[in-house]
Protein backbone atom coordinates (compact mmCIF):
# COMPACT_ATOMS: atom_id res chain seq x y z
CA MET A 1 141.84 108.49 102.55
CA ARG A 2 139.15 106.73 104.84
CA VAL A 3 136.40 104.66 103.33
CA ALA A 4 133.22 103.34 104.84
CA ILE A 5 131.92 100.11 103.41
CA GLY A 6 128.70 98.11 104.07
CA SER A 7 126.43 95.49 102.54
CA ASP A 8 123.46 93.39 102.88
CA HIS A 9 123.67 89.54 102.71
CA ALA A 10 123.55 89.47 98.95
CA GLY A 11 126.60 91.79 98.84
CA PHE A 12 128.46 90.11 101.60
CA GLY A 13 130.80 88.12 99.37
CA LEU A 14 131.63 90.99 97.01
CA LYS A 15 132.24 93.31 100.03
CA GLY A 16 134.89 90.85 101.23
CA GLU A 17 136.59 90.99 97.89
CA LEU A 18 136.47 94.85 97.94
CA CYS A 19 137.81 94.87 101.35
CA THR A 20 140.78 92.75 100.15
CA LEU A 21 141.29 95.38 97.51
CA LEU A 22 141.29 98.16 100.09
CA ASP A 23 143.85 96.26 102.08
CA GLU A 24 145.98 95.89 98.97
CA LEU A 25 145.76 99.56 98.30
CA ARG A 26 146.43 100.33 101.88
CA VAL A 27 143.23 102.32 102.25
CA GLU A 28 141.91 102.71 105.75
CA TYR A 29 138.35 101.53 105.97
CA ARG A 30 135.62 100.56 108.39
CA ASP A 31 133.30 97.61 107.69
CA PHE A 32 129.78 98.51 108.81
CA GLY A 33 128.45 95.01 108.20
CA THR A 34 126.70 92.76 107.63
CA TYR A 35 129.11 90.17 108.59
CA SER A 36 127.45 87.07 107.12
CA ASP A 37 125.25 85.90 104.32
CA GLU A 38 122.26 85.48 106.66
CA PRO A 39 119.31 87.53 105.42
CA VAL A 40 119.16 91.17 106.68
CA ASP A 41 117.45 94.39 105.73
CA TYR A 42 119.85 96.51 103.61
CA PRO A 43 118.83 99.91 105.10
CA ASP A 44 120.20 98.84 108.48
CA PHE A 45 123.75 98.54 106.94
CA ILE A 46 123.70 101.09 104.19
CA ALA A 47 122.39 104.06 106.22
CA PRO A 48 125.17 104.03 108.73
CA VAL A 49 127.83 104.05 105.87
CA ALA A 50 126.15 107.01 104.28
CA ARG A 51 125.68 108.85 107.52
CA ALA A 52 129.37 108.28 108.34
CA VAL A 53 130.30 109.80 105.05
CA ALA A 54 127.93 112.74 105.43
CA ARG A 55 129.37 113.60 108.84
CA GLY A 56 132.72 113.68 107.38
CA ASN A 57 134.18 110.66 109.33
CA TYR A 58 134.99 109.07 105.98
CA GLU A 59 135.77 110.63 102.58
CA LEU A 60 133.99 108.00 100.52
CA GLY A 61 131.56 105.10 100.91
CA VAL A 62 131.03 101.79 99.25
CA VAL A 63 127.65 99.96 99.55
CA ILE A 64 126.72 96.66 98.10
CA GLY A 65 123.63 94.54 97.68
CA GLY A 66 122.05 92.14 95.28
CA SER A 67 121.16 94.78 92.60
CA GLY A 68 122.77 97.90 94.20
CA THR A 69 119.63 99.88 93.42
CA GLY A 70 118.05 99.85 96.98
CA GLU A 71 121.35 100.49 98.40
CA ALA A 72 121.93 103.61 96.27
CA ILE A 73 118.41 104.79 97.08
CA VAL A 74 118.96 104.36 100.80
CA ALA A 75 122.40 106.24 100.66
CA ASN A 76 120.93 109.06 98.63
CA LYS A 77 118.24 109.70 101.32
CA VAL A 78 120.97 110.99 103.62
CA ARG A 79 121.67 114.67 103.24
CA GLY A 80 125.00 115.42 101.62
CA ILE A 81 125.34 112.03 99.88
CA ARG A 82 125.71 111.66 96.15
CA CYS A 83 125.67 107.92 95.58
CA VAL A 84 126.06 106.44 92.09
CA GLN A 85 125.28 102.95 91.09
CA ALA A 86 128.20 101.84 88.99
CA THR A 87 128.32 98.98 86.53
CA ASN A 88 131.64 99.91 84.79
CA PRO A 89 134.72 101.85 85.70
CA VAL A 90 133.94 104.71 83.35
CA VAL A 91 130.78 105.49 85.25
CA ALA A 92 132.70 105.18 88.53
CA ARG A 93 135.26 107.81 87.38
CA LEU A 94 132.84 110.20 85.88
CA ALA A 95 130.64 110.09 89.00
CA ARG A 96 133.59 111.54 90.93
CA GLU A 97 134.83 113.83 88.23
CA HIS A 98 131.44 115.32 87.21
CA ASN A 99 129.04 114.62 90.10
CA ASP A 100 131.38 114.71 93.18
CA ALA A 101 129.91 111.51 94.18
CA ASN A 102 131.03 110.46 97.61
CA VAL A 103 129.40 106.89 97.73
CA ILE A 104 129.44 104.08 95.11
CA SER A 105 126.91 101.26 94.92
CA PHE A 106 127.20 97.83 93.51
CA GLY A 107 125.01 94.96 92.74
CA ALA A 108 126.80 91.73 93.50
CA ARG A 109 124.35 89.88 91.19
CA ILE A 110 125.11 92.45 88.44
CA VAL A 111 128.79 93.11 88.27
CA GLY A 112 131.53 90.60 88.84
CA THR A 113 134.42 90.97 91.19
CA GLU A 114 136.92 92.23 88.58
CA VAL A 115 134.51 94.87 87.29
CA ALA A 116 133.81 96.06 90.81
CA ARG A 117 137.44 96.16 91.72
CA ALA A 118 138.11 98.26 88.60
CA CYS A 119 135.31 100.62 89.61
CA VAL A 120 136.55 101.06 93.19
CA ARG A 121 140.00 101.81 91.84
CA GLU A 122 138.64 104.55 89.55
CA PHE A 123 136.26 105.85 92.14
CA LEU A 124 139.02 106.21 94.75
CA ALA A 125 141.41 107.77 92.31
CA GLY A 126 138.90 110.18 90.76
CA GLU A 127 138.67 113.81 91.83
CA PHE A 128 135.91 116.37 91.40
CA THR A 129 136.98 118.55 88.38
CA GLY A 130 134.86 121.45 89.53
CA GLY A 131 134.38 124.13 86.75
CA ARG A 132 131.14 123.75 84.86
CA HIS A 133 129.98 121.12 87.26
CA VAL A 134 130.00 123.22 90.37
CA PRO A 135 126.65 125.03 89.63
CA ARG A 136 125.08 121.56 89.17
CA ILE A 137 126.20 120.28 92.32
CA GLU A 138 125.01 123.47 94.02
CA LYS A 139 121.60 122.90 92.48
CA ILE A 140 121.46 119.40 93.74
CA ALA A 141 122.20 120.85 97.26
CA ARG A 142 119.48 123.38 96.97
CA ILE A 143 116.95 120.78 95.99
CA GLU A 144 118.03 118.64 98.81
CA ALA A 145 117.74 121.58 101.25
CA GLU A 146 114.27 122.51 99.98
CA GLU A 147 113.07 118.94 100.26
CA ALA A 148 114.32 118.75 103.81
CA GLY A 149 112.41 121.95 104.75
CA ARG A 150 109.11 120.50 103.47
């Protein structure tokens, strides 16, 4: 599995902790930045993560900011991305199982390191269960395509 990860300045510290987790799990990843806690604009670092996942260069993405909200919004603007803002491991797991989420977003000011680590573990281990959820994912894709054609 390959993971794309990126953050703004507020998420920089938590991103480092999550990169350490990915190293521990022996998961291949690319850090799309930012590379310091100097103020930056989060779309500049989150959009490349989402685009890399949408293109299929990475199976999953992790984006981090202060609240995680803006990061999720940016990721979800990229066609083919289903990003969930997770605040606990159950949300992270269900996002994969029920929503076929391919990007997870965290707020470094919202969740602590251990919660974020647990969420990433669940997210990486989760698999889309298909079944009754497939028509819903297809509907999301149709809405996305309709909006793109506007």
